[in-house]
Protein backbone atom coordinates (compact mmCIF):
# COMPACT_ATOMS: atom_id res chain seq x y z
CA GLY A 1 20.27 16.41 0.28
CA THR A 2 17.34 17.72 -1.87
CA ALA A 3 14.08 15.80 -2.44
CA VAL A 4 12.50 14.98 -5.67
CA THR A 5 9.14 15.61 -5.93
CA THR A 6 7.10 12.02 -6.50
CA LEU A 7 4.59 11.43 -9.14
CA ALA A 8 1.92 11.04 -5.49
CA GLU A 9 2.78 14.07 -4.90
CA LEU A 10 2.07 15.81 -8.49
CA ALA A 11 -1.24 14.18 -8.34
CA LYS A 12 -2.33 15.49 -5.01
CA ALA A 13 -1.13 18.59 -6.01
CA GLN A 14 -3.34 18.35 -9.09
CA GLY A 15 -6.57 17.08 -6.62
CA ARG A 16 -6.14 13.78 -8.08
CA SER A 17 -6.36 10.72 -5.96
CA ALA A 18 -2.97 8.53 -5.16
CA GLY A 19 -2.78 4.90 -3.72
CA VAL A 20 0.02 2.51 -3.72
CA VAL A 21 -0.65 -1.28 -3.71
CA THR A 22 2.48 -3.95 -3.43
CA THR A 23 2.89 -7.16 -2.15
CA THR A 24 6.26 -6.10 0.33
CA ARG A 25 6.09 -4.52 2.71
CA VAL A 26 4.30 -0.94 2.20
CA THR A 27 7.36 0.70 3.40
CA HIS A 28 9.71 -1.12 1.34
CA ALA A 29 11.93 0.79 -1.12
CA THR A 30 9.44 0.87 -4.36
CA PRO A 31 6.05 1.91 -2.77
CA ALA A 32 8.57 4.25 -0.29
CA ALA A 33 9.68 6.40 -3.37
CA THR A 34 6.15 7.21 -3.91
CA TYR A 35 5.16 8.66 -0.71
CA SER A 36 7.92 9.37 1.46
CA HIS A 37 11.75 11.43 1.31
CA ILE A 38 13.63 9.11 4.31
CA CYS A 39 17.61 9.45 3.65
CA HIS A 40 17.42 5.05 3.77
CA ARG A 41 15.46 2.43 3.26
CA ASP A 42 15.73 0.63 6.15
CA LEU A 43 14.27 3.49 8.48
CA GLU A 44 10.85 1.94 7.70
CA ASN A 45 9.47 3.22 10.83
CA ASP A 46 9.91 6.90 9.61
CA ILE A 47 9.07 5.75 6.03
CA ALA A 48 5.39 4.54 7.53
CA ALA A 49 5.10 7.90 9.58
CA ALA A 50 5.18 9.81 7.01
CA LEU A 51 1.74 8.05 5.90
CA VAL A 52 0.13 9.19 8.62
CA PRO A 53 -2.29 12.92 7.90
CA GLY A 54 -1.16 15.35 10.39
CA GLY A 55 1.38 13.57 12.33
CA THR A 56 4.71 13.63 13.00
CA GLY A 57 6.88 13.36 10.75
CA PHE A 58 3.70 13.00 8.15
CA ASN A 59 4.71 13.65 4.59
CA SER A 60 2.89 17.56 3.83
CA GLU A 61 3.79 17.33 0.04
CA LEU A 62 0.99 14.61 0.19
CA GLY A 63 -1.81 17.54 1.07
CA THR A 64 -3.80 17.42 3.92
CA THR A 65 -5.62 13.61 3.52
CA GLY A 66 -2.14 12.09 2.11
CA LEU A 67 -2.70 9.17 0.11
CA ASP A 68 -5.61 7.74 -0.11
CA VAL A 69 -4.98 4.08 -0.44
CA VAL A 70 -2.05 1.94 1.36
CA MET A 71 -2.88 -1.53 0.51
CA GLY A 72 0.21 -4.43 0.95
CA GLY A 73 2.45 -5.97 3.94
CA GLY A 74 4.72 -4.51 7.10
CA ARG A 75 2.51 -4.02 9.69
CA GLN A 76 5.05 -4.62 11.96
CA PHE A 77 6.20 -0.44 11.30
CA PHE A 78 2.42 0.30 12.38
CA THR A 79 2.31 -1.20 15.40
CA LEU A 80 3.29 -1.39 18.43
CA PRO A 81 5.85 -4.66 20.34
CA ALA A 82 2.21 -5.26 22.36
CA ALA A 83 0.51 -5.97 18.70
CA GLY A 84 4.08 -7.71 17.39
CA GLY A 85 5.27 -4.26 16.01
CA LYS A 86 8.36 -2.72 16.03
CA ARG A 87 7.54 1.07 16.97
CA ALA A 88 9.21 2.43 19.95
CA ASP A 89 8.01 5.71 19.83
CA GLY A 90 4.70 5.08 21.51
CA ARG A 91 2.89 5.67 18.47
CA ASP A 92 0.23 3.19 17.10
CA LEU A 93 -0.31 4.70 13.54
CA VAL A 94 -2.99 1.90 12.26
CA ALA A 95 -5.06 3.57 15.26
CA GLU A 96 -4.37 7.35 13.94
CA MET A 97 -4.98 6.37 10.33
CA LYS A 98 -8.24 5.45 11.78
CA THR A 99 -9.10 8.52 12.89
CA LYS A 100 -8.25 10.30 9.82
CA GLY A 101 -11.20 8.39 8.03
CA TYR A 102 -9.31 5.00 6.96
CA SER A 103 -10.84 1.95 6.91
CA TYR A 104 -8.69 -0.80 7.98
CA ALA A 105 -8.28 -4.41 6.51
CA SER A 106 -5.86 -7.04 8.49
CA ASN A 107 -7.62 -9.99 6.15
CA ALA A 108 -8.70 -11.13 3.24
CA THR A 109 -12.04 -10.83 5.13
CA GLU A 110 -12.23 -7.67 6.42
CA PHE A 111 -10.52 -6.55 2.42
CA ALA A 112 -13.44 -8.48 1.23
CA ALA A 113 -16.41 -6.19 3.73
CA ILE A 114 -15.00 -3.09 2.62
CA ASP A 115 -16.58 -1.75 -0.51
CA GLY A 116 -14.28 0.59 -2.26
CA THR A 117 -16.85 2.49 -3.66
CA LYS A 118 -18.45 3.40 -0.50
CA VAL A 119 -15.24 4.68 1.44
CA ASP A 120 -12.53 7.54 0.79
CA ARG A 121 -9.68 6.05 2.49
CA ILE A 122 -8.36 2.53 2.74
CA LEU A 123 -5.36 1.18 4.88
CA GLY A 124 -4.72 -2.57 4.56
CA LEU A 125 -1.80 -4.45 6.16
CA PHE A 126 -2.69 -8.40 5.78
CA THR A 127 1.26 -9.17 7.37
CA SER A 128 3.65 -8.49 9.78
CA SER A 129 6.22 -8.24 6.77
CA HIS A 130 5.93 -8.85 3.04
CA MET A 131 3.15 -10.63 1.86
CA ASN A 132 3.71 -14.67 1.23
CA TYR A 133 4.69 -15.47 -2.80
CA ASP A 134 1.57 -15.88 -3.97
CA LEU A 135 2.40 -19.94 -4.65
CA ASP A 136 2.32 -19.78 -0.93
CA ARG A 137 -0.57 -17.47 -0.17
CA ASP A 138 -3.62 -18.38 1.64
CA PRO A 139 -6.33 -16.71 0.23
CA ALA A 140 -8.68 -16.63 3.24
CA ALA A 141 -5.88 -14.77 4.98
CA GLU A 142 -4.64 -12.64 2.21
CA PRO A 143 -6.36 -10.59 -0.51
CA SER A 144 -4.65 -11.10 -4.65
CA LEU A 145 -3.06 -8.76 -6.13
CA ALA A 146 -5.62 -8.23 -8.51
CA ASP A 147 -8.50 -8.06 -6.04
CA MET A 148 -5.89 -4.69 -3.98
CA THR A 149 -5.20 -3.32 -7.68
CA THR A 150 -9.15 -3.69 -8.39
CA LYS A 151 -10.12 -2.00 -5.24
CA ALA A 152 -8.05 0.50 -5.44
CA MET A 153 -9.34 1.89 -8.24
CA ASP A 154 -12.56 1.78 -6.88
CA VAL A 155 -12.28 4.37 -4.46
CA LEU A 156 -9.42 6.18 -6.60
CA GLY A 157 -12.13 6.61 -9.34
CA LYS A 158 -14.63 8.50 -7.10
CA ASN A 159 -12.26 11.26 -7.93
CA SER A 160 -13.57 12.98 -11.30
CA LYS A 161 -10.18 14.30 -11.57
CA GLY A 162 -8.20 11.52 -11.77
CA TYR A 163 -5.71 9.59 -9.88
CA PHE A 164 -2.21 8.02 -9.76
CA LEU A 165 -2.06 4.51 -8.48
CA MET A 166 1.25 2.48 -7.88
CA VAL A 167 0.91 -1.38 -8.39
CA GLU A 168 3.95 -3.37 -7.69
CA GLY A 169 4.20 -7.11 -7.71
CA GLY A 170 7.56 -6.47 -5.35
CA ARG A 171 7.79 -10.40 -4.32
CA ILE A 172 9.06 -11.51 -7.94
CA ASP A 173 12.71 -9.72 -7.22
CA HIS A 174 12.64 -11.74 -4.06
CA ALA A 175 11.88 -14.98 -5.57
CA LEU A 176 14.77 -14.10 -8.19
CA HIS A 177 17.06 -13.34 -5.81
CA GLU A 178 16.70 -16.73 -3.70
CA THR A 179 16.75 -18.84 -7.44
CA THR A 180 12.73 -19.97 -6.73
CA ALA A 181 11.99 -19.67 -9.96
CA LYS A 182 8.79 -21.19 -9.17
CA LYS A 183 7.69 -18.92 -7.07
CA ALA A 184 9.56 -16.23 -9.41
CA LEU A 185 6.98 -17.52 -12.18
CA GLN A 186 3.69 -17.68 -10.26
CA ASP A 187 4.34 -13.91 -9.03
CA ALA A 188 5.00 -12.94 -11.91
CA LEU A 189 1.44 -14.24 -13.31
CA ALA A 190 -0.09 -12.61 -10.34
CA PHE A 191 1.04 -9.42 -11.62
CA ASP A 192 0.31 -9.95 -14.75
CA ASN A 193 -3.11 -11.10 -13.89
CA ALA A 194 -3.59 -7.46 -11.95
CA ILE A 195 -2.60 -5.86 -15.13
CA LYS A 196 -5.31 -7.44 -16.64
CA ALA A 197 -7.58 -7.02 -14.11
CA ALA A 198 -6.66 -3.08 -14.13
CA ILE A 199 -7.35 -2.78 -17.86
CA ALA A 200 -10.17 -4.58 -17.95
CA LYS A 201 -11.88 -2.15 -14.87
CA ALA A 202 -10.15 0.86 -16.58
CA LYS A 203 -12.41 0.49 -19.57
CA VAL A 204 -15.88 -0.08 -18.23
CA THR A 205 -15.07 2.81 -16.09
């Protein structure tokens, strides 16, 4: 029952920036473990609420501003049923996060229109549930993991104290559970491309 301090919390406590990028729902277990302390991984509405600075359920250990970058899938846990979401508490977390200064993108076009070097926070929720496997991904609808990673670095890198960024190629695991090897390999390649892009960007910034 004792909460363990997360790397994102440590970063924020040191004045660094912090973010999560994933191809799963942003409320899925791995990203959630960096910013929330919810007792069960399936309580994704509660996990989403931990991201909203100042809101009910917000994880105050992330400081007053919360995570600076959140990108992936999982829009259903941020929106109301009328918008295709699963929130029954009357809260539109996307709207709430916009009021807290987050630039929001729901598709690749909106994502491309955001200049990461000129904004302080990004919320990108590109699908209702998990993002599509890279093999099935429509580039006009969903950005690549590499593109999300480098744009996150643009935002976070403006902090002279440094930053923490968790990047997950989370659908590799899903494809292996399904025993769809081609999808797993393609997502592993997409993850490798994200790592290469991050290393290349880190070397020039």
